[in-house]
Amino acid sequence: MPAGAARGVTMNNVYRWQRVGDRLRLYHERFGTDAAVFLFELVAESADRLICQQPHLCGDDVYRGTLVLAETGFDLDWSITGPRKDEHLHYRYRGS
């Protein structure tokens, strides 16, 4: 539950990951697979860290992502900034 919230917020996002050479492209499929929104390409900064090559612009908002490999998966950190946004999201993806 978000800090200070009276109740939980249900969310559902669908992302498409596409490997293209040494890059990893990320798409958001909130409008379906045929209308996926390209977000950014992640490129290697080190052996276990990928950063977005160019941020995704949505109006005045700027979306950036960093992916860090973990032993059983990866973490994806989002930074969203703009005139009305100053957000940081942390997603953990783990295998079973």
N, C-alpha and C. Protein backbone atom coordinates (compact mmCIF):
# COMPACT_ATOMS: atom_id res chain seq x y z
N MET A 1 0.85 -1.17 0.00
CA MET A 1 0.00 0.00 0.00
C MET A 1 0.90 1.24 0.00
N PRO A 2 0.57 2.24 -0.81
CA PRO A 2 1.37 3.48 -0.82
C PRO A 2 1.37 4.15 0.56
N ALA A 3 2.48 4.77 0.92
CA ALA A 3 2.59 5.45 2.21
C ALA A 3 1.49 6.50 2.35
N GLY A 4 0.80 6.49 3.47
CA GLY A 4 -0.25 7.46 3.74
C GLY A 4 -1.59 7.14 3.10
N ALA A 5 -1.68 6.04 2.35
CA ALA A 5 -2.94 5.70 1.67
C ALA A 5 -3.89 5.00 2.64
N ALA A 6 -5.17 5.23 2.47
CA ALA A 6 -6.18 4.60 3.31
C ALA A 6 -6.47 3.18 2.86
N ARG A 7 -6.21 2.89 1.59
CA ARG A 7 -6.45 1.53 1.06
C ARG A 7 -5.45 1.26 -0.06
N GLY A 8 -5.32 -0.01 -0.39
CA GLY A 8 -4.39 -0.42 -1.43
C GLY A 8 -4.85 0.02 -2.81
N VAL A 9 -3.92 0.04 -3.74
CA VAL A 9 -4.20 0.41 -5.12
C VAL A 9 -3.86 -0.78 -6.01
N THR A 10 -4.84 -1.27 -6.75
CA THR A 10 -4.62 -2.39 -7.65
C THR A 10 -4.08 -1.87 -8.97
N MET A 11 -2.97 -2.46 -9.42
CA MET A 11 -2.36 -2.05 -10.68
C MET A 11 -2.03 -3.29 -11.49
N ASN A 12 -2.02 -3.12 -12.80
CA ASN A 12 -1.64 -4.20 -13.69
C ASN A 12 -0.96 -3.58 -14.90
N ASN A 13 0.29 -3.95 -15.12
CA ASN A 13 1.04 -3.49 -16.28
C ASN A 13 1.53 -4.70 -17.06
N VAL A 14 1.57 -4.55 -18.37
CA VAL A 14 2.12 -5.60 -19.23
C VAL A 14 3.24 -4.97 -20.04
N TYR A 15 4.42 -5.56 -19.91
CA TYR A 15 5.59 -5.06 -20.64
C TYR A 15 6.08 -6.12 -21.62
N ARG A 16 6.62 -5.66 -22.72
CA ARG A 16 7.25 -6.55 -23.69
C ARG A 16 8.74 -6.25 -23.68
N TRP A 17 9.53 -7.30 -23.51
CA TRP A 17 10.98 -7.20 -23.54
C TRP A 17 11.44 -7.79 -24.86
N GLN A 18 12.28 -7.07 -25.59
CA GLN A 18 12.75 -7.55 -26.89
C GLN A 18 14.26 -7.33 -26.97
N ARG A 19 14.98 -8.44 -27.19
CA ARG A 19 16.43 -8.33 -27.35
C ARG A 19 16.75 -8.03 -28.80
N VAL A 20 17.55 -6.99 -29.00
CA VAL A 20 17.99 -6.58 -30.34
C VAL A 20 19.51 -6.38 -30.27
N GLY A 21 20.24 -7.37 -30.76
CA GLY A 21 21.69 -7.32 -30.66
C GLY A 21 22.13 -7.28 -29.21
N ASP A 22 22.89 -6.27 -28.84
CA ASP A 22 23.37 -6.16 -27.45
C ASP A 22 22.49 -5.22 -26.62
N ARG A 23 21.30 -4.91 -27.12
CA ARG A 23 20.39 -4.01 -26.43
C ARG A 23 19.11 -4.74 -26.03
N LEU A 24 18.41 -4.17 -25.08
CA LEU A 24 17.14 -4.71 -24.63
C LEU A 24 16.10 -3.61 -24.74
N ARG A 25 15.09 -3.84 -25.57
CA ARG A 25 14.03 -2.84 -25.76
C ARG A 25 12.87 -3.16 -24.83
N LEU A 26 12.27 -2.10 -24.32
CA LEU A 26 11.13 -2.25 -23.41
C LEU A 26 9.93 -1.50 -23.99
N TYR A 27 8.80 -2.22 -24.06
CA TYR A 27 7.54 -1.66 -24.54
C TYR A 27 6.48 -1.81 -23.46
N HIS A 28 5.55 -0.89 -23.42
CA HIS A 28 4.40 -0.97 -22.52
C HIS A 28 3.19 -1.34 -23.37
N GLU A 29 2.49 -2.41 -22.98
CA GLU A 29 1.36 -2.90 -23.77
C GLU A 29 0.02 -2.59 -23.12
N ARG A 30 -0.10 -1.42 -22.51
CA ARG A 30 -1.37 -1.10 -21.85
C ARG A 30 -2.53 -0.98 -22.83
N PHE A 31 -2.24 -0.72 -24.11
CA PHE A 31 -3.28 -0.65 -25.13
C PHE A 31 -3.33 -1.93 -25.97
N GLY A 32 -2.65 -2.99 -25.52
CA GLY A 32 -2.63 -4.26 -26.23
C GLY A 32 -1.34 -4.46 -27.02
N THR A 33 -1.13 -5.69 -27.47
CA THR A 33 0.11 -6.03 -28.17
C THR A 33 0.26 -5.31 -29.50
N ASP A 34 -0.85 -5.01 -30.16
CA ASP A 34 -0.79 -4.34 -31.46
C ASP A 34 -0.58 -2.82 -31.34
N ALA A 35 -0.71 -2.30 -30.15
CA ALA A 35 -0.53 -0.85 -29.94
C ALA A 35 0.47 -0.59 -28.82
N ALA A 36 1.50 -1.41 -28.76
CA ALA A 36 2.50 -1.27 -27.70
C ALA A 36 3.22 0.07 -27.83
N VAL A 37 3.53 0.67 -26.70
CA VAL A 37 4.24 1.95 -26.65
C VAL A 37 5.72 1.67 -26.36
N PHE A 38 6.61 2.07 -27.27
CA PHE A 38 8.04 1.91 -27.05
C PHE A 38 8.48 2.85 -25.95
N LEU A 39 9.18 2.32 -24.95
CA LEU A 39 9.65 3.15 -23.85
C LEU A 39 11.11 3.55 -24.04
N PHE A 40 12.01 2.58 -24.08
CA PHE A 40 13.42 2.89 -24.27
C PHE A 40 14.22 1.61 -24.51
N GLU A 41 15.47 1.80 -24.92
CA GLU A 41 16.41 0.70 -25.05
C GLU A 41 17.38 0.76 -23.87
N LEU A 42 17.65 -0.39 -23.32
CA LEU A 42 18.63 -0.50 -22.25
C LEU A 42 19.94 -1.01 -22.84
N VAL A 43 21.04 -0.39 -22.44
CA VAL A 43 22.37 -0.77 -22.92
C VAL A 43 23.25 -1.05 -21.70
N ALA A 44 24.24 -1.90 -21.89
CA ALA A 44 25.12 -2.29 -20.78
C ALA A 44 25.97 -1.11 -20.32
N GLU A 45 25.94 -0.88 -19.02
CA GLU A 45 26.85 0.08 -18.40
C GLU A 45 28.00 -0.68 -17.73
N SER A 46 27.68 -1.90 -17.26
CA SER A 46 28.66 -2.80 -16.67
C SER A 46 28.16 -4.23 -16.89
N ALA A 47 28.85 -5.20 -16.32
CA ALA A 47 28.47 -6.60 -16.51
C ALA A 47 27.11 -6.94 -15.93
N ASP A 48 26.65 -6.20 -14.91
CA ASP A 48 25.38 -6.52 -14.27
C ASP A 48 24.40 -5.35 -14.22
N ARG A 49 24.65 -4.33 -15.01
CA ARG A 49 23.81 -3.13 -14.96
C ARG A 49 23.57 -2.60 -16.37
N LEU A 50 22.28 -2.36 -16.68
CA LEU A 50 21.89 -1.76 -17.95
C LEU A 50 21.17 -0.45 -17.66
N ILE A 51 21.40 0.54 -18.50
CA ILE A 51 20.75 1.84 -18.33
C ILE A 51 20.04 2.21 -19.63
N CYS A 52 19.03 3.05 -19.54
CA CYS A 52 18.32 3.46 -20.75
C CYS A 52 19.22 4.39 -21.56
N GLN A 53 19.23 4.13 -22.87
CA GLN A 53 20.08 4.92 -23.76
C GLN A 53 19.54 6.34 -23.87
N GLN A 54 18.26 6.46 -24.08
CA GLN A 54 17.59 7.76 -24.16
C GLN A 54 16.29 7.65 -23.37
N PRO A 55 15.94 8.62 -22.58
CA PRO A 55 14.71 8.53 -21.80
C PRO A 55 13.48 8.58 -22.70
N HIS A 56 12.38 8.07 -22.16
CA HIS A 56 11.09 8.13 -22.85
C HIS A 56 10.40 9.43 -22.43
N LEU A 57 9.94 10.19 -23.41
CA LEU A 57 9.23 11.43 -23.13
C LEU A 57 7.74 11.21 -23.33
N CYS A 58 6.96 11.58 -22.34
CA CYS A 58 5.50 11.50 -22.41
C CYS A 58 4.98 12.86 -21.98
N GLY A 59 4.68 13.70 -22.95
CA GLY A 59 4.35 15.08 -22.63
C GLY A 59 5.56 15.74 -22.02
N ASP A 60 5.39 16.34 -20.85
CA ASP A 60 6.49 16.98 -20.15
C ASP A 60 7.18 16.03 -19.16
N ASP A 61 6.74 14.78 -19.10
CA ASP A 61 7.30 13.81 -18.17
C ASP A 61 8.42 13.02 -18.83
N VAL A 62 9.46 12.73 -18.05
CA VAL A 62 10.65 12.02 -18.54
C VAL A 62 10.78 10.72 -17.75
N TYR A 63 10.76 9.60 -18.49
CA TYR A 63 10.87 8.27 -17.88
C TYR A 63 12.25 7.70 -18.18
N ARG A 64 12.94 7.25 -17.12
CA ARG A 64 14.25 6.61 -17.26
C ARG A 64 14.20 5.28 -16.53
N GLY A 65 15.00 4.34 -17.00
CA GLY A 65 15.05 3.03 -16.35
C GLY A 65 16.47 2.53 -16.20
N THR A 66 16.68 1.76 -15.14
CA THR A 66 17.95 1.09 -14.89
C THR A 66 17.64 -0.34 -14.47
N LEU A 67 18.29 -1.29 -15.11
CA LEU A 67 18.09 -2.70 -14.81
C LEU A 67 19.38 -3.25 -14.19
N VAL A 68 19.23 -3.92 -13.05
CA VAL A 68 20.38 -4.52 -12.37
C VAL A 68 20.12 -6.02 -12.24
N LEU A 69 21.05 -6.81 -12.77
CA LEU A 69 20.92 -8.26 -12.70
C LEU A 69 21.15 -8.75 -11.27
N ALA A 70 20.36 -9.72 -10.86
CA ALA A 70 20.49 -10.35 -9.55
C ALA A 70 20.71 -11.85 -9.77
N GLU A 71 20.98 -12.58 -8.71
CA GLU A 71 21.29 -14.00 -8.84
C GLU A 71 20.14 -14.79 -9.49
N THR A 72 18.91 -14.48 -9.12
CA THR A 72 17.77 -15.25 -9.64
C THR A 72 16.80 -14.41 -10.46
N GLY A 73 17.23 -13.25 -10.94
CA GLY A 73 16.35 -12.39 -11.73
C GLY A 73 16.98 -11.03 -11.93
N PHE A 74 16.16 -9.98 -11.82
CA PHE A 74 16.68 -8.62 -11.97
C PHE A 74 15.76 -7.63 -11.29
N ASP A 75 16.30 -6.44 -11.06
CA ASP A 75 15.54 -5.32 -10.51
C ASP A 75 15.47 -4.25 -11.59
N LEU A 76 14.32 -3.61 -11.71
CA LEU A 76 14.13 -2.51 -12.65
C LEU A 76 13.71 -1.29 -11.85
N ASP A 77 14.54 -0.26 -11.89
CA ASP A 77 14.25 1.00 -11.22
C ASP A 77 13.80 2.03 -12.24
N TRP A 78 12.70 2.69 -11.93
CA TRP A 78 12.14 3.74 -12.78
C TRP A 78 12.32 5.09 -12.09
N SER A 79 12.61 6.09 -12.88
CA SER A 79 12.63 7.48 -12.43
C SER A 79 11.70 8.23 -13.37
N ILE A 80 10.71 8.90 -12.80
CA ILE A 80 9.75 9.67 -13.60
C ILE A 80 9.74 11.09 -13.05
N THR A 81 10.15 12.03 -13.89
CA THR A 81 10.20 13.43 -13.46
C THR A 81 9.47 14.31 -14.45
N GLY A 82 8.96 15.40 -13.95
CA GLY A 82 8.25 16.36 -14.79
C GLY A 82 7.66 17.44 -13.91
N PRO A 83 6.92 18.36 -14.52
CA PRO A 83 6.34 19.46 -13.74
C PRO A 83 5.40 18.99 -12.63
N ARG A 84 4.74 17.85 -12.83
CA ARG A 84 3.81 17.33 -11.83
C ARG A 84 4.23 15.99 -11.27
N LYS A 85 5.40 15.47 -11.67
CA LYS A 85 5.82 14.14 -11.21
C LYS A 85 7.23 14.15 -10.68
N ASP A 86 7.42 13.40 -9.63
CA ASP A 86 8.73 13.14 -9.06
C ASP A 86 8.62 11.78 -8.39
N GLU A 87 8.73 10.72 -9.20
CA GLU A 87 8.44 9.38 -8.72
C GLU A 87 9.64 8.46 -8.92
N HIS A 88 9.73 7.48 -8.03
CA HIS A 88 10.72 6.43 -8.15
C HIS A 88 10.01 5.11 -7.89
N LEU A 89 10.09 4.19 -8.84
CA LEU A 89 9.46 2.87 -8.70
C LEU A 89 10.55 1.81 -8.74
N HIS A 90 10.37 0.78 -7.93
CA HIS A 90 11.34 -0.32 -7.90
C HIS A 90 10.59 -1.62 -8.12
N TYR A 91 10.86 -2.30 -9.23
CA TYR A 91 10.25 -3.59 -9.53
C TYR A 91 11.30 -4.68 -9.33
N ARG A 92 10.90 -5.80 -8.72
CA ARG A 92 11.77 -6.96 -8.53
C ARG A 92 11.19 -8.12 -9.33
N TYR A 93 11.98 -8.66 -10.24
CA TYR A 93 11.59 -9.81 -11.03
C TYR A 93 12.47 -10.98 -10.59
N ARG A 94 11.85 -12.06 -10.11
CA ARG A 94 12.62 -13.22 -9.64
C ARG A 94 12.03 -14.50 -10.19
N GLY A 95 12.91 -15.44 -10.50
CA GLY A 95 12.48 -16.76 -10.93
C GLY A 95 12.19 -17.64 -9.72
N SER A 96 11.55 -18.73 -9.98
CA SER A 96 11.24 -19.61 -8.84
C SER A 96 12.21 -20.77 -8.77
